[in-house]
Amino acid sequence: MFSKILCSLLFAFCSLPSYGQGEIVQGPFKIDGEKVIYFQRESNPDFPIGLYYDSGTKKIQVDKYEVAGDTPNIDTVFFMKIHNVKNVVVLISWHQLHQAESINGNAYQVYTYKYINDSLTLNDVITKDPALNGMDGEFNGDEVYFKYKDAASIKQYIKSKYN
């Protein structure tokens, strides 16, 4: 009996490191030397995608993206310098379909993260810019267009406003 309990505890202990480690859905992308970022599928149904930073000595979750009408999609990821600081720029979209309200399109949000001192943190100033959050498609019966749906247009906007 003792050996069965010991075996069960050993199995549970050995499986702990793999708990919560989901499938990588984008990346890894090298940010600096061997340091990388990647996007991973999560077991939390409300936040199914997470952004991770792996410095080689530690792996940390930097952000997570919630379900907002649909699961989040990673449309583009790129690096750019803003005020001489390397930033990771991520465009997330969510499909929106609500026929009763005449909604059929996509919601978009641009997230930026500053890479400073071996750390990746949210760049609040740019992420909270209202121009980098919007809708594209039919919303409440009106056609609306979001200007920043690709890396080139996002980069041009950020350079013109923040550099």
C-alpha atoms as a PDB file:
ATOM      1  CA  MET A   1       0.000   0.000   0.000  1.00  0.00           C
ATOM      2  CA  PHE A   2       2.811   2.394   0.935  1.00  0.00           C
ATOM      3  CA  SER A   3       4.535   1.744  -2.400  1.00  0.00           C
ATOM      4  CA  LYS A   4       1.332   2.588  -4.325  1.00  0.00           C
ATOM      5  CA  ILE A   5       1.009   5.904  -2.480  1.00  0.00           C
ATOM      6  CA  LEU A   6       4.694   6.649  -2.979  1.00  0.00           C
ATOM      7  CA  CYS A   7       4.441   5.794  -6.676  1.00  0.00           C
ATOM      8  CA  SER A   8       1.351   8.029  -7.067  1.00  0.00           C
ATOM      9  CA  LEU A   9       3.080  10.936  -5.322  1.00  0.00           C
ATOM     10  CA  LEU A  10       6.200  10.472  -7.431  1.00  0.00           C
ATOM     11  CA  PHE A  11       4.118  10.469 -10.633  1.00  0.00           C
ATOM     12  CA  ALA A  12       2.244  13.608  -9.546  1.00  0.00           C
ATOM     13  CA  PHE A  13       5.474  15.366  -8.596  1.00  0.00           C
ATOM     14  CA  CYS A  14       7.198  14.467 -11.870  1.00  0.00           C
ATOM     15  CA  SER A  15       4.282  15.726 -13.940  1.00  0.00           C
ATOM     16  CA  LEU A  16       4.179  19.146 -12.217  1.00  0.00           C
ATOM     17  CA  PRO A  17       6.765  20.836 -14.460  1.00  0.00           C
ATOM     18  CA  SER A  18       4.703  20.068 -17.555  1.00  0.00           C
ATOM     19  CA  TYR A  19       1.394  21.221 -16.064  1.00  0.00           C
ATOM     20  CA  GLY A  20       0.074  24.272 -17.898  1.00  0.00           C
ATOM     21  CA  GLN A  21       2.668  24.134 -20.629  1.00  0.00           C
ATOM     22  CA  GLY A  22       0.542  24.444 -23.752  1.00  0.00           C
ATOM     23  CA  GLU A  23       1.275  24.331 -27.426  1.00  0.00           C
ATOM     24  CA  ILE A  24       3.327  27.181 -28.878  1.00  0.00           C
ATOM     25  CA  VAL A  25       1.102  28.885 -31.464  1.00  0.00           C
ATOM     26  CA  GLN A  26       3.577  31.550 -32.687  1.00  0.00           C
ATOM     27  CA  GLY A  27       7.311  31.871 -32.322  1.00  0.00           C
ATOM     28  CA  PRO A  28       9.762  31.613 -30.842  1.00  0.00           C
ATOM     29  CA  PHE A  29      11.068  34.992 -32.012  1.00  0.00           C
ATOM     30  CA  LYS A  30      14.606  36.023 -31.022  1.00  0.00           C
ATOM     31  CA  ILE A  31      14.577  39.314 -29.182  1.00  0.00           C
ATOM     32  CA  ASP A  32      18.223  39.519 -28.068  1.00  0.00           C
ATOM     33  CA  GLY A  33      20.875  36.845 -28.566  1.00  0.00           C
ATOM     34  CA  GLU A  34      19.321  33.588 -27.386  1.00  0.00           C
ATOM     35  CA  LYS A  35      16.462  35.349 -25.577  1.00  0.00           C
ATOM     36  CA  VAL A  36      13.069  34.732 -27.167  1.00  0.00           C
ATOM     37  CA  ILE A  37       9.379  35.499 -26.963  1.00  0.00           C
ATOM     38  CA  TYR A  38       6.596  33.147 -27.966  1.00  0.00           C
ATOM     39  CA  PHE A  39       2.835  32.793 -27.792  1.00  0.00           C
ATOM     40  CA  GLN A  40       1.410  29.738 -26.103  1.00  0.00           C
ATOM     41  CA  ARG A  41      -2.044  28.206 -25.916  1.00  0.00           C
ATOM     42  CA  GLU A  42      -3.329  28.265 -22.323  1.00  0.00           C
ATOM     43  CA  SER A  43      -5.756  25.985 -20.499  1.00  0.00           C
ATOM     44  CA  ASN A  44      -7.766  28.965 -19.172  1.00  0.00           C
ATOM     45  CA  PRO A  45     -10.809  29.291 -21.486  1.00  0.00           C
ATOM     46  CA  ASP A  46     -11.146  33.026 -20.688  1.00  0.00           C
ATOM     47  CA  PHE A  47      -7.500  33.782 -21.569  1.00  0.00           C
ATOM     48  CA  PRO A  48      -6.553  31.136 -24.158  1.00  0.00           C
ATOM     49  CA  ILE A  49      -3.307  32.746 -25.425  1.00  0.00           C
ATOM     50  CA  GLY A  50      -0.303  33.910 -23.391  1.00  0.00           C
ATOM     51  CA  LEU A  51       2.816  35.872 -24.348  1.00  0.00           C
ATOM     52  CA  TYR A  52       6.011  34.485 -22.791  1.00  0.00           C
ATOM     53  CA  TYR A  53       9.572  35.758 -22.463  1.00  0.00           C
ATOM     54  CA  ASP A  54      12.376  33.215 -22.144  1.00  0.00           C
ATOM     55  CA  SER A  55      15.699  34.753 -21.080  1.00  0.00           C
ATOM     56  CA  GLY A  56      17.467  31.403 -21.104  1.00  0.00           C
ATOM     57  CA  THR A  57      17.484  31.286 -17.310  1.00  0.00           C
ATOM     58  CA  LYS A  58      13.823  32.040 -16.644  1.00  0.00           C
ATOM     59  CA  LYS A  59      10.512  31.858 -18.480  1.00  0.00           C
ATOM     60  CA  ILE A  60       7.796  34.316 -17.511  1.00  0.00           C
ATOM     61  CA  GLN A  61       4.329  35.103 -18.759  1.00  0.00           C
ATOM     62  CA  VAL A  62       4.347  38.725 -19.903  1.00  0.00           C
ATOM     63  CA  ASP A  63       0.690  39.028 -20.879  1.00  0.00           C
ATOM     64  CA  LYS A  64      -2.417  37.035 -21.673  1.00  0.00           C
ATOM     65  CA  TYR A  65      -5.135  37.738 -24.210  1.00  0.00           C
ATOM     66  CA  GLU A  66      -8.777  37.291 -23.347  1.00  0.00           C
ATOM     67  CA  VAL A  67     -11.736  35.994 -25.280  1.00  0.00           C
ATOM     68  CA  ALA A  68     -13.725  38.993 -26.528  1.00  0.00           C
ATOM     69  CA  GLY A  69     -16.571  37.664 -28.646  1.00  0.00           C
ATOM     70  CA  ASP A  70     -14.159  35.078 -30.077  1.00  0.00           C
ATOM     71  CA  THR A  71     -10.744  33.652 -29.327  1.00  0.00           C
ATOM     72  CA  PRO A  72      -7.842  36.059 -29.891  1.00  0.00           C
ATOM     73  CA  ASN A  73      -5.808  35.785 -33.099  1.00  0.00           C
ATOM     74  CA  ILE A  74      -2.195  36.911 -33.366  1.00  0.00           C
ATOM     75  CA  ASP A  75      -2.174  38.818 -36.663  1.00  0.00           C
ATOM     76  CA  THR A  76       1.342  40.244 -36.606  1.00  0.00           C
ATOM     77  CA  VAL A  77       4.406  40.412 -34.367  1.00  0.00           C
ATOM     78  CA  PHE A  78       7.416  42.625 -35.017  1.00  0.00           C
ATOM     79  CA  PHE A  79      10.194  44.517 -33.255  1.00  0.00           C
ATOM     80  CA  MET A  80      10.924  48.225 -33.517  1.00  0.00           C
ATOM     81  CA  LYS A  81      12.842  50.876 -31.617  1.00  0.00           C
ATOM     82  CA  ILE A  82      10.778  53.600 -29.978  1.00  0.00           C
ATOM     83  CA  HIS A  83      12.864  56.360 -28.346  1.00  0.00           C
ATOM     84  CA  ASN A  84      15.918  54.093 -28.781  1.00  0.00           C
ATOM     85  CA  VAL A  85      14.274  51.270 -26.792  1.00  0.00           C
ATOM     86  CA  LYS A  86      13.486  47.935 -28.437  1.00  0.00           C
ATOM     87  CA  ASN A  87       9.742  47.211 -28.391  1.00  0.00           C
ATOM     88  CA  VAL A  88       7.727  44.157 -29.336  1.00  0.00           C
ATOM     89  CA  VAL A  89       4.584  45.120 -31.236  1.00  0.00           C
ATOM     90  CA  VAL A  90       1.691  42.652 -31.360  1.00  0.00           C
ATOM     91  CA  LEU A  91      -1.582  42.996 -33.270  1.00  0.00           C
ATOM     92  CA  ILE A  92      -4.414  40.900 -31.830  1.00  0.00           C
ATOM     93  CA  SER A  93      -7.823  40.523 -33.474  1.00  0.00           C
ATOM     94  CA  TRP A  94     -11.111  38.938 -32.476  1.00  0.00           C
ATOM     95  CA  HIS A  95     -13.849  38.035 -34.944  1.00  0.00           C
ATOM     96  CA  GLN A  96     -17.206  39.555 -34.002  1.00  0.00           C
ATOM     97  CA  LEU A  97     -20.504  38.094 -35.216  1.00  0.00           C
ATOM     98  CA  HIS A  98     -23.779  39.170 -33.622  1.00  0.00           C
ATOM     99  CA  GLN A  99     -26.522  39.044 -36.251  1.00  0.00           C
ATOM    100  CA  ALA A 100     -29.224  40.569 -34.031  1.00  0.00           C
ATOM    101  CA  GLU A 101     -27.110  43.726 -33.635  1.00  0.00           C
ATOM    102  CA  SER A 102     -25.903  43.757 -37.282  1.00  0.00           C
ATOM    103  CA  ILE A 103     -22.304  43.091 -36.237  1.00  0.00           C
ATOM    104  CA  ASN A 104     -19.962  41.155 -38.508  1.00  0.00           C
ATOM    105  CA  GLY A 105     -16.280  42.040 -38.524  1.00  0.00           C
ATOM    106  CA  ASN A 106     -13.136  42.117 -36.433  1.00  0.00           C
ATOM    107  CA  ALA A 107     -12.039  43.989 -33.337  1.00  0.00           C
ATOM    108  CA  TYR A 108      -8.330  44.939 -33.237  1.00  0.00           C
ATOM    109  CA  GLN A 109      -5.883  45.955 -30.516  1.00  0.00           C
ATOM    110  CA  VAL A 110      -2.190  46.791 -30.873  1.00  0.00           C
ATOM    111  CA  TYR A 111      -0.104  45.893 -27.814  1.00  0.00           C
ATOM    112  CA  THR A 112       3.466  47.124 -27.339  1.00  0.00           C
ATOM    113  CA  TYR A 113       6.038  45.851 -24.848  1.00  0.00           C
ATOM    114  CA  LYS A 114       9.320  47.541 -23.886  1.00  0.00           C
ATOM    115  CA  TYR A 115      12.449  45.407 -23.699  1.00  0.00           C
ATOM    116  CA  ILE A 116      14.695  46.958 -21.033  1.00  0.00           C
ATOM    117  CA  ASN A 117      17.257  45.327 -18.719  1.00  0.00           C
ATOM    118  CA  ASP A 118      16.431  41.727 -19.642  1.00  0.00           C
ATOM    119  CA  SER A 119      12.737  42.366 -18.998  1.00  0.00           C
ATOM    120  CA  LEU A 120       9.639  42.749 -21.155  1.00  0.00           C
ATOM    121  CA  THR A 121       6.900  45.080 -19.844  1.00  0.00           C
ATOM    122  CA  LEU A 122       3.761  46.609 -21.301  1.00  0.00           C
ATOM    123  CA  ASN A 123       4.303  49.974 -22.998  1.00  0.00           C
ATOM    124  CA  ASP A 124       1.152  51.622 -21.621  1.00  0.00           C
ATOM    125  CA  VAL A 125       1.477  54.868 -23.558  1.00  0.00           C
ATOM    126  CA  ILE A 126       1.282  53.221 -26.977  1.00  0.00           C
ATOM    127  CA  THR A 127      -0.979  50.318 -26.006  1.00  0.00           C
ATOM    128  CA  LYS A 128      -3.585  52.769 -24.656  1.00  0.00           C
ATOM    129  CA  ASP A 129      -3.484  54.943 -27.793  1.00  0.00           C
ATOM    130  CA  PRO A 130      -7.135  54.956 -28.986  1.00  0.00           C
ATOM    131  CA  ALA A 131      -6.055  54.990 -32.642  1.00  0.00           C
ATOM    132  CA  LEU A 132      -4.505  51.527 -32.153  1.00  0.00           C
ATOM    133  CA  ASN A 133      -7.770  49.937 -31.054  1.00  0.00           C
ATOM    134  CA  GLY A 134     -10.745  49.629 -33.354  1.00  0.00           C
ATOM    135  CA  MET A 135     -13.232  47.749 -35.448  1.00  0.00           C
ATOM    136  CA  ASP A 136     -13.347  46.700 -39.071  1.00  0.00           C
ATOM    137  CA  GLY A 137     -16.500  45.472 -40.796  1.00  0.00           C
ATOM    138  CA  GLU A 138     -20.191  46.024 -40.165  1.00  0.00           C
ATOM    139  CA  PHE A 139     -21.068  47.294 -36.701  1.00  0.00           C
ATOM    140  CA  ASN A 140     -24.648  48.259 -35.836  1.00  0.00           C
ATOM    141  CA  GLY A 141     -25.389  48.346 -39.548  1.00  0.00           C
ATOM    142  CA  ASP A 142     -22.556  50.789 -40.374  1.00  0.00           C
ATOM    143  CA  GLU A 143     -19.356  49.948 -42.262  1.00  0.00           C
ATOM    144  CA  VAL A 144     -16.286  50.868 -40.242  1.00  0.00           C
ATOM    145  CA  TYR A 145     -12.613  50.536 -41.130  1.00  0.00           C
ATOM    146  CA  PHE A 146      -9.585  50.041 -38.905  1.00  0.00           C
ATOM    147  CA  LYS A 147      -6.456  51.589 -40.441  1.00  0.00           C
ATOM    148  CA  TYR A 148      -3.776  49.535 -38.704  1.00  0.00           C
ATOM    149  CA  LYS A 149      -4.203  45.882 -39.710  1.00  0.00           C
ATOM    150  CA  ASP A 150      -0.610  45.110 -40.729  1.00  0.00           C
ATOM    151  CA  ALA A 151       2.966  45.687 -39.584  1.00  0.00           C
ATOM    152  CA  ALA A 152       3.729  48.394 -42.166  1.00  0.00           C
ATOM    153  CA  SER A 153       0.785  50.645 -41.247  1.00  0.00           C
ATOM    154  CA  ILE A 154       1.306  50.167 -37.492  1.00  0.00           C
ATOM    155  CA  LYS A 155       5.029  50.911 -37.763  1.00  0.00           C
ATOM    156  CA  GLN A 156       4.386  54.040 -39.852  1.00  0.00           C
ATOM    157  CA  TYR A 157       1.833  55.348 -37.334  1.00  0.00           C
ATOM    158  CA  ILE A 158       4.063  54.701 -34.303  1.00  0.00           C
ATOM    159  CA  LYS A 159       7.083  56.316 -36.000  1.00  0.00           C
ATOM    160  CA  SER A 160       5.086  59.416 -36.939  1.00  0.00           C
ATOM    161  CA  LYS A 161       3.502  59.865 -33.512  1.00  0.00           C
ATOM    162  CA  TYR A 162       6.067  58.567 -31.010  1.00  0.00           C
ATOM    163  CA  ASN A 163       9.540  58.986 -32.548  1.00  0.00           C
END
